[in-house]
C-alpha atoms as a PDB file:
ATOM      1  CA  MET A   1      47.307  73.741 160.478  1.00  0.00           C
ATOM      2  CA  ILE A   2      45.997  77.191 161.795  1.00  0.00           C
ATOM      3  CA  GLY A   3      45.968  80.054 159.306  1.00  0.00           C
ATOM      4  CA  ILE A   4      47.204  83.356 160.721  1.00  0.00           C
ATOM      5  CA  ILE A   5      45.888  86.482 158.969  1.00  0.00           C
ATOM      6  CA  SER A   6      47.099  89.976 160.048  1.00  0.00           C
ATOM      7  CA  HIS A   7      47.772  93.460 158.741  1.00  0.00           C
ATOM      8  CA  ASP A   8      47.571  96.424 161.203  1.00  0.00           C
ATOM      9  CA  ALA A   9      50.193  96.901 163.842  1.00  0.00           C
ATOM     10  CA  GLY A  10      48.019  96.819 167.020  1.00  0.00           C
ATOM     11  CA  GLY A  11      46.461  93.511 166.304  1.00  0.00           C
ATOM     12  CA  ALA A  12      49.621  92.002 164.855  1.00  0.00           C
ATOM     13  CA  GLU A  13      51.472  92.671 168.140  1.00  0.00           C
ATOM     14  CA  ILE A  14      49.045  90.687 170.233  1.00  0.00           C
ATOM     15  CA  LEU A  15      48.508  88.020 167.688  1.00  0.00           C
ATOM     16  CA  SER A  16      52.193  87.537 166.978  1.00  0.00           C
ATOM     17  CA  SER A  17      53.045  87.203 170.756  1.00  0.00           C
ATOM     18  CA  TYR A  18      50.141  84.688 171.014  1.00  0.00           C
ATOM     19  CA  VAL A  19      51.699  82.550 168.195  1.00  0.00           C
ATOM     20  CA  LEU A  20      55.161  82.807 169.730  1.00  0.00           C
ATOM     21  CA  HIS A  21      53.935  81.036 172.908  1.00  0.00           C
ATOM     22  CA  GLN A  22      52.184  78.203 171.120  1.00  0.00           C
ATOM     23  CA  LYS A  23      54.981  75.624 170.923  1.00  0.00           C
ATOM     24  CA  ASN A  24      52.902  72.648 169.867  1.00  0.00           C
ATOM     25  CA  LEU A  25      50.850  74.166 167.088  1.00  0.00           C
ATOM     26  CA  LYS A  26      51.560  74.568 163.392  1.00  0.00           C
ATOM     27  CA  PHE A  27      50.694  77.822 161.547  1.00  0.00           C
ATOM     28  CA  SER A  28      50.643  79.234 158.058  1.00  0.00           C
ATOM     29  CA  TYR A  29      50.755  82.928 157.524  1.00  0.00           C
ATOM     30  CA  ALA A  30      48.967  85.474 155.358  1.00  0.00           C
ATOM     31  CA  LEU A  31      50.553  88.823 156.443  1.00  0.00           C
ATOM     32  CA  GLU A  32      50.543  92.236 154.929  1.00  0.00           C
ATOM     33  CA  GLY A  33      51.637  95.852 155.993  1.00  0.00           C
ATOM     34  CA  PRO A  34      53.138  96.402 159.370  1.00  0.00           C
ATOM     35  CA  ALA A  35      52.252  92.879 160.458  1.00  0.00           C
ATOM     36  CA  ILE A  36      55.077  91.378 158.282  1.00  0.00           C
ATOM     37  CA  ASN A  37      57.878  93.111 160.229  1.00  0.00           C
ATOM     38  CA  ILE A  38      56.148  92.668 163.597  1.00  0.00           C
ATOM     39  CA  PHE A  39      55.825  88.834 163.059  1.00  0.00           C
ATOM     40  CA  GLU A  40      59.284  88.320 161.647  1.00  0.00           C
ATOM     41  CA  GLN A  41      60.910  90.277 164.528  1.00  0.00           C
ATOM     42  CA  LYS A  42      59.413  87.874 166.930  1.00  0.00           C
ATOM     43  CA  LEU A  43      59.401  84.632 164.850  1.00  0.00           C
ATOM     44  CA  GLY A  44      62.087  84.882 162.367  1.00  0.00           C
ATOM     45  CA  SER A  45      61.758  84.676 158.664  1.00  0.00           C
ATOM     46  CA  LEU A  46      58.322  83.360 157.627  1.00  0.00           C
ATOM     47  CA  LYS A  47      56.830  81.869 154.499  1.00  0.00           C
ATOM     48  CA  ILE A  48      54.114  84.327 153.745  1.00  0.00           C
ATOM     49  CA  GLU A  49      51.281  83.341 151.333  1.00  0.00           C
ATOM     50  CA  ASN A  50      48.113  84.851 150.024  1.00  0.00           C
ATOM     51  CA  TYR A  51      45.085  84.675 152.275  1.00  0.00           C
ATOM     52  CA  GLN A  52      43.031  82.451 149.823  1.00  0.00           C
ATOM     53  CA  LYS A  53      45.823  79.700 149.944  1.00  0.00           C
ATOM     54  CA  VAL A  54      46.066  79.990 153.795  1.00  0.00           C
ATOM     55  CA  VAL A  55      42.342  79.685 154.259  1.00  0.00           C
ATOM     56  CA  LYS A  56      42.073  76.631 151.891  1.00  0.00           C
ATOM     57  CA  GLN A  57      44.940  74.734 153.544  1.00  0.00           C
ATOM     58  CA  SER A  58      44.081  75.485 157.128  1.00  0.00           C
ATOM     59  CA  SER A  59      41.786  73.738 159.469  1.00  0.00           C
ATOM     60  CA  LYS A  60      40.793  77.046 160.972  1.00  0.00           C
ATOM     61  CA  ILE A  61      41.893  80.623 160.855  1.00  0.00           C
ATOM     62  CA  LEU A  62      42.938  83.114 163.482  1.00  0.00           C
ATOM     63  CA  CYS A  63      42.816  86.715 162.535  1.00  0.00           C
ATOM     64  CA  SER A  64      43.490  90.139 163.970  1.00  0.00           C
ATOM     65  CA  THR A  65      41.381  93.070 162.694  1.00  0.00           C
ATOM     66  CA  SER A  66      42.463  96.085 160.642  1.00  0.00           C
ATOM     67  CA  TRP A  67      41.272  99.564 159.598  1.00  0.00           C
ATOM     68  CA  GLU A  68      43.974  99.957 156.825  1.00  0.00           C
ATOM     69  CA  SER A  69      43.138  96.780 155.076  1.00  0.00           C
ATOM     70  CA  ASN A  70      40.338  94.347 154.094  1.00  0.00           C
ATOM     71  CA  LEU A  71      42.678  91.377 154.495  1.00  0.00           C
ATOM     72  CA  GLU A  72      41.200  89.890 157.664  1.00  0.00           C
ATOM     73  CA  PHE A  73      37.465  90.731 156.654  1.00  0.00           C
ATOM     74  CA  ASN A  74      38.000  88.987 153.230  1.00  0.00           C
ATOM     75  CA  ALA A  75      39.672  85.988 155.026  1.00  0.00           C
ATOM     76  CA  ILE A  76      36.807  85.617 157.491  1.00  0.00           C
ATOM     77  CA  LYS A  77      34.310  85.805 154.618  1.00  0.00           C
ATOM     78  CA  LEU A  78      36.122  83.116 152.532  1.00  0.00           C
ATOM     79  CA  SER A  79      36.497  80.862 155.563  1.00  0.00           C
ATOM     80  CA  ASN A  80      32.864  81.086 156.339  1.00  0.00           C
ATOM     81  CA  SER A  81      31.980  80.229 152.807  1.00  0.00           C
ATOM     82  CA  PHE A  82      34.064  77.058 153.111  1.00  0.00           C
ATOM     83  CA  GLY A  83      32.398  76.183 156.525  1.00  0.00           C
ATOM     84  CA  LYS A  84      35.738  76.479 158.190  1.00  0.00           C
ATOM     85  CA  TYR A  85      36.125  77.765 161.813  1.00  0.00           C
ATOM     86  CA  SER A  86      37.193  81.431 162.079  1.00  0.00           C
ATOM     87  CA  VAL A  87      38.457  83.342 165.176  1.00  0.00           C
ATOM     88  CA  ALA A  88      39.119  87.107 165.382  1.00  0.00           C
ATOM     89  CA  LEU A  89      41.396  88.522 168.067  1.00  0.00           C
ATOM     90  CA  LEU A  90      40.396  92.025 169.162  1.00  0.00           C
ATOM     91  CA  ASP A  91      42.862  94.642 170.209  1.00  0.00           C
ATOM     92  CA  HIS A  92      42.045  97.939 171.987  1.00  0.00           C
ATOM     93  CA  TRP A  93      38.688  98.758 173.363  1.00  0.00           C
ATOM     94  CA  VAL A  94      36.579 100.610 170.783  1.00  0.00           C
ATOM     95  CA  ASN A  95      34.646 100.108 167.476  1.00  0.00           C
ATOM     96  CA  TYR A  96      34.252  96.394 167.986  1.00  0.00           C
ATOM     97  CA  LYS A  97      31.304  95.939 165.583  1.00  0.00           C
ATOM     98  CA  GLU A  98      32.714  98.339 162.936  1.00  0.00           C
ATOM     99  CA  ARG A  99      35.774  96.125 162.510  1.00  0.00           C
ATOM    100  CA  PHE A 100      33.578  93.504 160.821  1.00  0.00           C
ATOM    101  CA  ILE A 101      31.692  95.839 158.418  1.00  0.00           C
ATOM    102  CA  ARG A 102      32.709  96.797 154.893  1.00  0.00           C
ATOM    103  CA  LEU A 103      30.283  98.647 152.488  1.00  0.00           C
ATOM    104  CA  ASP A 104      27.406  97.970 154.946  1.00  0.00           C
ATOM    105  CA  GLN A 105      28.062  94.237 154.912  1.00  0.00           C
ATOM    106  CA  ILE A 106      28.823  92.627 158.252  1.00  0.00           C
ATOM    107  CA  ILE A 107      30.894  89.383 158.301  1.00  0.00           C
ATOM    108  CA  LEU A 108      31.488  87.836 161.680  1.00  0.00           C
ATOM    109  CA  PRO A 109      33.814  85.013 162.705  1.00  0.00           C
ATOM    110  CA  ASN A 110      32.638  81.974 164.580  1.00  0.00           C
ATOM    111  CA  ALA A 111      34.290  83.141 167.756  1.00  0.00           C
ATOM    112  CA  ILE A 112      35.940  86.322 169.190  1.00  0.00           C
ATOM    113  CA  TRP A 113      38.951  86.490 171.408  1.00  0.00           C
ATOM    114  CA  VAL A 114      39.915  89.277 173.685  1.00  0.00           C
ATOM    115  CA  SER A 115      42.849  89.745 176.086  1.00  0.00           C
ATOM    116  CA  ASP A 116      41.420  91.508 179.140  1.00  0.00           C
ATOM    117  CA  SER A 117      38.340  91.418 181.225  1.00  0.00           C
ATOM    118  CA  ILE A 118      37.063  94.894 180.273  1.00  0.00           C
ATOM    119  CA  ALA A 119      37.321  94.034 176.631  1.00  0.00           C
ATOM    120  CA  LYS A 120      35.420  90.756 177.328  1.00  0.00           C
ATOM    121  CA  ASP A 121      32.605  92.623 178.970  1.00  0.00           C
ATOM    122  CA  LEU A 122      32.278  95.034 176.049  1.00  0.00           C
ATOM    123  CA  ALA A 123      32.435  92.312 173.480  1.00  0.00           C
ATOM    124  CA  GLU A 124      29.800  90.312 175.200  1.00  0.00           C
ATOM    125  CA  LYS A 125      27.392  93.149 175.078  1.00  0.00           C
ATOM    126  CA  ILE A 126      27.918  93.686 171.348  1.00  0.00           C
ATOM    127  CA  PHE A 127      28.325  90.121 169.979  1.00  0.00           C
ATOM    128  CA  THR A 128      25.495  88.250 171.783  1.00  0.00           C
ATOM    129  CA  ASN A 129      25.443  85.285 169.476  1.00  0.00           C
ATOM    130  CA  ASN A 130      29.237  84.734 169.219  1.00  0.00           C
ATOM    131  CA  PRO A 131      31.324  82.938 171.937  1.00  0.00           C
ATOM    132  CA  ILE A 132      33.812  85.371 173.583  1.00  0.00           C
ATOM    133  CA  ARG A 133      37.091  83.916 174.911  1.00  0.00           C
ATOM    134  CA  LEU A 134      39.435  85.677 177.254  1.00  0.00           C
ATOM    135  CA  ILE A 135      43.144  84.702 176.460  1.00  0.00           C
ATOM    136  CA  ASN A 136      46.379  85.737 177.907  1.00  0.00           C
ATOM    137  CA  ASN A 137      47.790  88.984 176.605  1.00  0.00           C
ATOM    138  CA  PHE A 138      51.287  87.566 175.917  1.00  0.00           C
ATOM    139  CA  PHE A 139      52.216  90.844 174.242  1.00  0.00           C
ATOM    140  CA  LEU A 140      51.869  92.705 177.435  1.00  0.00           C
ATOM    141  CA  GLU A 141      53.333  89.859 179.487  1.00  0.00           C
ATOM    142  CA  ASP A 142      56.486  89.932 177.364  1.00  0.00           C
ATOM    143  CA  ILE A 143      56.686  93.660 177.515  1.00  0.00           C
ATOM    144  CA  ARG A 144      56.471  93.528 181.301  1.00  0.00           C
ATOM    145  CA  LYS A 145      59.464  91.108 181.377  1.00  0.00           C
ATOM    146  CA  GLU A 146      61.401  93.265 178.992  1.00  0.00           C
ATOM    147  CA  LEU A 147      60.726  96.335 181.076  1.00  0.00           C
ATOM    148  CA  ASN A 148      61.962  94.603 184.207  1.00  0.00           C
ATOM    149  CA  LEU A 149      65.158  93.490 182.437  1.00  0.00           C
ATOM    150  CA  ASN A 150      65.672  97.192 181.336  1.00  0.00           C
ATOM    151  CA  ARG A 151      65.269  98.405 184.933  1.00  0.00           C
ATOM    152  CA  LEU A 152      67.778  95.780 186.175  1.00  0.00           C
ATOM    153  CA  SER A 153      70.367  96.148 183.447  1.00  0.00           C
ATOM    154  CA  ASN A 154      70.339  99.825 182.661  1.00  0.00           C
ATOM    155  CA  ASN A 155      68.158 102.451 184.228  1.00  0.00           C
ATOM    156  CA  ILE A 156      68.486 105.055 181.534  1.00  0.00           C
ATOM    157  CA  ALA A 157      65.386 107.106 182.352  1.00  0.00           C
ATOM    158  CA  THR A 158      66.058 110.874 182.131  1.00  0.00           C
ATOM    159  CA  THR A 159      64.165 113.408 184.173  1.00  0.00           C
ATOM    160  CA  SER A 160      61.776 115.525 182.046  1.00  0.00           C
ATOM    161  CA  SER A 161      62.289 113.515 178.915  1.00  0.00           C
ATOM    162  CA  ILE A 162      59.072 113.021 177.028  1.00  0.00           C
ATOM    163  CA  LEU A 163      58.145 110.262 174.498  1.00  0.00           C
ATOM    164  CA  TYR A 164      55.267 111.211 172.262  1.00  0.00           C
ATOM    165  CA  VAL A 165      53.667 108.187 170.377  1.00  0.00           C
ATOM    166  CA  CYS A 166      51.816 108.914 167.256  1.00  0.00           C
ATOM    167  CA  GLU A 167      48.737 107.312 165.611  1.00  0.00           C
ATOM    168  CA  PRO A 168      47.421 107.664 161.966  1.00  0.00           C
ATOM    169  CA  ILE A 169      44.109 109.029 163.218  1.00  0.00           C
ATOM    170  CA  ARG A 170      43.085 110.817 160.030  1.00  0.00           C
ATOM    171  CA  LYS A 171      43.547 107.706 157.979  1.00  0.00           C
ATOM    172  CA  HIS A 172      41.463 105.611 160.387  1.00  0.00           C
ATOM    173  CA  ALA A 173      38.721 108.239 160.482  1.00  0.00           C
ATOM    174  CA  GLN A 174      38.666 108.522 156.736  1.00  0.00           C
ATOM    175  CA  LEU A 175      38.564 104.753 156.183  1.00  0.00           C
ATOM    176  CA  GLN A 176      35.917 104.240 158.831  1.00  0.00           C
ATOM    177  CA  HIS A 177      33.593 107.319 158.508  1.00  0.00           C
ATOM    178  CA  GLY A 178      34.848 108.976 155.235  1.00  0.00           C
ATOM    179  CA  ASP A 179      35.848 112.016 157.201  1.00  0.00           C
ATOM    180  CA  GLU A 180      39.345 112.675 158.489  1.00  0.00           C
ATOM    181  CA  THR A 181      38.082 114.912 161.366  1.00  0.00           C
ATOM    182  CA  TYR A 182      35.242 112.611 162.381  1.00  0.00           C
ATOM    183  CA  TRP A 183      36.595 112.167 165.969  1.00  0.00           C
ATOM    184  CA  GLY A 184      37.041 115.969 166.322  1.00  0.00           C
ATOM    185  CA  TYR A 185      40.890 115.835 166.046  1.00  0.00           C
ATOM    186  CA  THR A 186      43.760 114.491 163.978  1.00  0.00           C
ATOM    187  CA  GLU A 187      47.265 113.355 164.887  1.00  0.00           C
ATOM    188  CA  GLU A 188      48.491 116.807 163.817  1.00  0.00           C
ATOM    189  CA  THR A 189      45.985 118.822 165.961  1.00  0.00           C
ATOM    190  CA  ALA A 190      46.615 116.680 169.000  1.00  0.00           C
ATOM    191  CA  LEU A 191      50.380 117.099 168.563  1.00  0.00           C
ATOM    192  CA  ARG A 192      50.162 120.804 168.071  1.00  0.00           C
ATOM    193  CA  TYR A 193      47.803 121.209 171.105  1.00  0.00           C
ATOM    194  CA  PHE A 194      50.296 119.286 173.327  1.00  0.00           C
ATOM    195  CA  LEU A 195      53.415 121.077 172.208  1.00  0.00           C
ATOM    196  CA  SER A 196      51.719 124.483 172.278  1.00  0.00           C
ATOM    197  CA  ASN A 197      50.695 123.967 175.864  1.00  0.00           C
ATOM    198  CA  ILE A 198      53.713 121.878 177.098  1.00  0.00           C
ATOM    199  CA  ASP A 199      54.618 124.572 179.544  1.00  0.00           C
ATOM    200  CA  SER A 200      51.532 123.419 181.502  1.00  0.00           C
ATOM    201  CA  LEU A 201      53.520 120.495 182.688  1.00  0.00           C
ATOM    202  CA  ARG A 202      55.926 122.969 184.524  1.00  0.00           C
ATOM    203  CA  LEU A 203      59.039 121.029 183.623  1.00  0.00           C
ATOM    204  CA  VAL A 204      62.483 121.885 182.505  1.00  0.00           C
ATOM    205  CA  LEU A 205      62.485 119.856 179.324  1.00  0.00           C
ATOM    206  CA  GLU A 206      65.584 117.938 178.177  1.00  0.00           C
ATOM    207  CA  LYS A 207      64.086 116.358 175.077  1.00  0.00           C
ATOM    208  CA  ILE A 208      60.854 115.342 173.369  1.00  0.00           C
ATOM    209  CA  ILE A 209      61.041 112.138 171.458  1.00  0.00           C
ATOM    210  CA  ILE A 210      58.558 111.805 168.602  1.00  0.00           C
ATOM    211  CA  ARG A 211      57.788 108.154 167.756  1.00  0.00           C
ATOM    212  CA  SER A 212      55.883 107.642 164.590  1.00  0.00           C
ATOM    213  CA  HIS A 213      53.390 104.724 164.162  1.00  0.00           C
ATOM    214  CA  PRO A 214      54.658 101.675 162.354  1.00  0.00           C
ATOM    215  CA  SER A 215      52.478 102.398 159.370  1.00  0.00           C
ATOM    216  CA  GLU A 216      53.670 106.080 159.078  1.00  0.00           C
ATOM    217  CA  SER A 217      56.735 107.450 157.208  1.00  0.00           C
ATOM    218  CA  LYS A 218      59.682 108.143 159.269  1.00  0.00           C
ATOM    219  CA  ASN A 219      59.686 111.933 158.214  1.00  0.00           C
ATOM    220  CA  LYS A 220      55.935 112.518 158.625  1.00  0.00           C
ATOM    221  CA  TYR A 221      56.428 114.859 161.584  1.00  0.00           C
ATOM    222  CA  HIS A 222      59.642 116.656 160.554  1.00  0.00           C
ATOM    223  CA  TRP A 223      57.533 119.810 160.121  1.00  0.00           C
ATOM    224  CA  LEU A 224      57.674 120.098 163.946  1.00  0.00           C
ATOM    225  CA  LEU A 225      61.255 121.344 163.765  1.00  0.00           C
ATOM    226  CA  ASP A 226      60.199 124.400 161.757  1.00  0.00           C
ATOM    227  CA  GLU A 227      57.124 125.110 163.811  1.00  0.00           C
ATOM    228  CA  PHE A 228      58.341 124.670 167.384  1.00  0.00           C
ATOM    229  CA  ARG A 229      61.441 125.872 169.158  1.00  0.00           C
ATOM    230  CA  LEU A 230      61.567 122.927 171.494  1.00  0.00           C
ATOM    231  CA  PRO A 231      64.077 120.064 172.097  1.00  0.00           C
ATOM    232  CA  ILE A 232      62.452 117.828 169.620  1.00  0.00           C
ATOM    233  CA  GLU A 233      64.135 114.621 168.412  1.00  0.00           C
ATOM    234  CA  PHE A 234      62.834 111.635 166.542  1.00  0.00           C
ATOM    235  CA  SER A 235      63.033 107.922 167.521  1.00  0.00           C
ATOM    236  CA  ASN A 236      65.900 106.387 165.705  1.00  0.00           C
ATOM    237  CA  GLY A 237      64.829 102.781 165.377  1.00  0.00           C
ATOM    238  CA  LYS A 238      64.708 101.757 169.036  1.00  0.00           C
ATOM    239  CA  SER A 239      62.071  99.370 170.272  1.00  0.00           C
ATOM    240  CA  LEU A 240      59.089 100.766 172.038  1.00  0.00           C
ATOM    241  CA  VAL A 241      60.341  99.417 175.289  1.00  0.00           C
ATOM    242  CA  GLU A 242      63.678 101.077 174.795  1.00  0.00           C
ATOM    243  CA  ASP A 243      61.934 104.413 173.988  1.00  0.00           C
ATOM    244  CA  ILE A 244      59.693 104.253 177.042  1.00  0.00           C
ATOM    245  CA  SER A 245      62.448 103.107 179.406  1.00  0.00           C
ATOM    246  CA  ALA A 246      64.509 106.173 178.343  1.00  0.00           C
ATOM    247  CA  SER A 247      61.645 108.573 179.021  1.00  0.00           C
ATOM    248  CA  ASP A 248      59.956 110.050 182.017  1.00  0.00           C
ATOM    249  CA  ILE A 249      56.591 110.888 180.617  1.00  0.00           C
ATOM    250  CA  ILE A 250      54.717 109.050 177.863  1.00  0.00           C
ATOM    251  CA  VAL A 251      52.159 110.984 175.769  1.00  0.00           C
ATOM    252  CA  GLY A 252      49.852 110.167 172.931  1.00  0.00           C
ATOM    253  CA  CYS A 253      46.183 110.044 172.133  1.00  0.00           C
ATOM    254  CA  GLU A 254      44.909 106.518 172.918  1.00  0.00           C
ATOM    255  CA  SER A 255      47.635 104.244 171.572  1.00  0.00           C
ATOM    256  CA  MET A 256      48.371 100.905 173.211  1.00  0.00           C
ATOM    257  CA  ALA A 257      51.824 102.449 173.957  1.00  0.00           C
ATOM    258  CA  LEU A 258      50.174 104.429 176.638  1.00  0.00           C
ATOM    259  CA  VAL A 259      49.165 101.146 178.333  1.00  0.00           C
ATOM    260  CA  VAL A 260      52.781  99.992 177.993  1.00  0.00           C
ATOM    261  CA  GLY A 261      53.903 103.231 179.657  1.00  0.00           C
ATOM    262  CA  LEU A 262      51.664 102.343 182.577  1.00  0.00           C
ATOM    263  CA  LEU A 263      53.304  98.933 182.796  1.00  0.00           C
ATOM    264  CA  ALA A 264      56.614 100.705 183.004  1.00  0.00           C
ATOM    265  CA  GLU A 265      55.347 102.941 185.842  1.00  0.00           C
ATOM    266  CA  LYS A 266      55.684 106.125 183.913  1.00  0.00           C
ATOM    267  CA  ARG A 267      53.551 109.108 184.003  1.00  0.00           C
ATOM    268  CA  VAL A 268      51.121 108.747 181.122  1.00  0.00           C
ATOM    269  CA  ILE A 269      49.113 111.543 179.418  1.00  0.00           C
ATOM    270  CA  SER A 270      46.445 111.559 176.732  1.00  0.00           C
ATOM    271  CA  SER A 271      46.896 114.566 174.356  1.00  0.00           C
ATOM    272  CA  ILE A 272      43.445 114.568 172.834  1.00  0.00           C
ATOM    273  CA  PRO A 273      42.592 118.239 172.301  1.00  0.00           C
ATOM    274  CA  PRO A 274      39.452 120.171 173.010  1.00  0.00           C
ATOM    275  CA  GLY A 275      36.621 119.133 170.875  1.00  0.00           C
ATOM    276  CA  GLY A 276      37.904 115.605 170.336  1.00  0.00           C
ATOM    277  CA  ARG A 277      36.163 112.472 171.631  1.00  0.00           C
ATOM    278  CA  GLY A 278      37.295 111.286 174.987  1.00  0.00           C
ATOM    279  CA  CYS A 279      40.201 108.757 175.432  1.00  0.00           C
ATOM    280  CA  SER A 280      38.825 105.341 174.851  1.00  0.00           C
ATOM    281  CA  LEU A 281      41.465 103.572 177.031  1.00  0.00           C
ATOM    282  CA  PRO A 282      39.753 102.332 180.181  1.00  0.00           C
ATOM    283  CA  HIS A 283      42.854 102.900 182.429  1.00  0.00           C
ATOM    284  CA  ARG A 284      42.249 105.436 185.203  1.00  0.00           C
ATOM    285  CA  ASP A 285      45.963 106.221 185.694  1.00  0.00           C
ATOM    286  CA  ILE A 286      46.143 107.947 182.311  1.00  0.00           C
ATOM    287  CA  GLU A 287      45.990 111.706 182.805  1.00  0.00           C
ATOM    288  CA  ILE A 288      43.994 113.955 180.499  1.00  0.00           C
ATOM    289  CA  PHE A 289      46.039 116.797 179.160  1.00  0.00           C
ATOM    290  CA  GLN A 290      43.160 119.129 178.811  1.00  0.00           C
ATOM    291  CA  ASN A 291      42.742 118.937 182.600  1.00  0.00           C
ATOM    292  CA  ILE A 292      46.433 119.814 183.057  1.00  0.00           C
ATOM    293  CA  VAL A 293      46.110 122.806 180.784  1.00  0.00           C
ATOM    294  CA  HIS A 294      42.967 124.204 182.527  1.00  0.00           C
ATOM    295  CA  LYS A 295      44.751 123.907 185.921  1.00  0.00           C
ATOM    296  CA  LYS A 296      47.624 126.103 184.663  1.00  0.00           C
END
């Protein structure tokens, strides 16, 4: 039995897709936060238990990593104390070491998995004493298949329709560094910067869809309707693939959704404002909005 431990949305997407493709293995689940909905959407209703029970009854554990929770950190720590084998699956391309630190204590798993060659190179430079394994990114593989089906069945993309994907940047910065503006911007400043300079795109806009992060409230960005006289709408429960397929341009700071936008062959733009750290996504086809504004 393999114990699956997950909380945050990004890691849960990759980990749940991995589990979905393992037909001959048995799993138990300790899930919290956005991971519950993500796993059950793909795998159906699950028996969810506390991490202590999952660690004790499993031969090894496989975790994602989280900023919004100590769930995986505590599970790895407990697993190590029992002498059980632990694996952490990394999503994204930044802050690898920090994912395993709480209150200046570092707790590492026995092995680390990544899902692309760039991440593998980065991880090998940081975790010199831990084996690094490159696995298939079944999440992106499944997304690619779904995108292809959408193209074949219903090409609903609308010219000059923009999808803006949001991230809880303030919360992550506060949890990691004790400062909501540690990275030089927040989700609100990035969104304001983009919408205030949207004419730099030189488009006749039909609509701007705002898609909140799975961990955010659905009305978090409704203040935009009072602040901007733009054709702003809000994602109404559609999947990420549906929202991306229905849009011409995908915008956000450094969300994995931007990578999905590239897979969908959309124009993709990072909206990080002046003074913010550079976009950490290693994909060269992502445009930097500051460069577009400066060319105006």
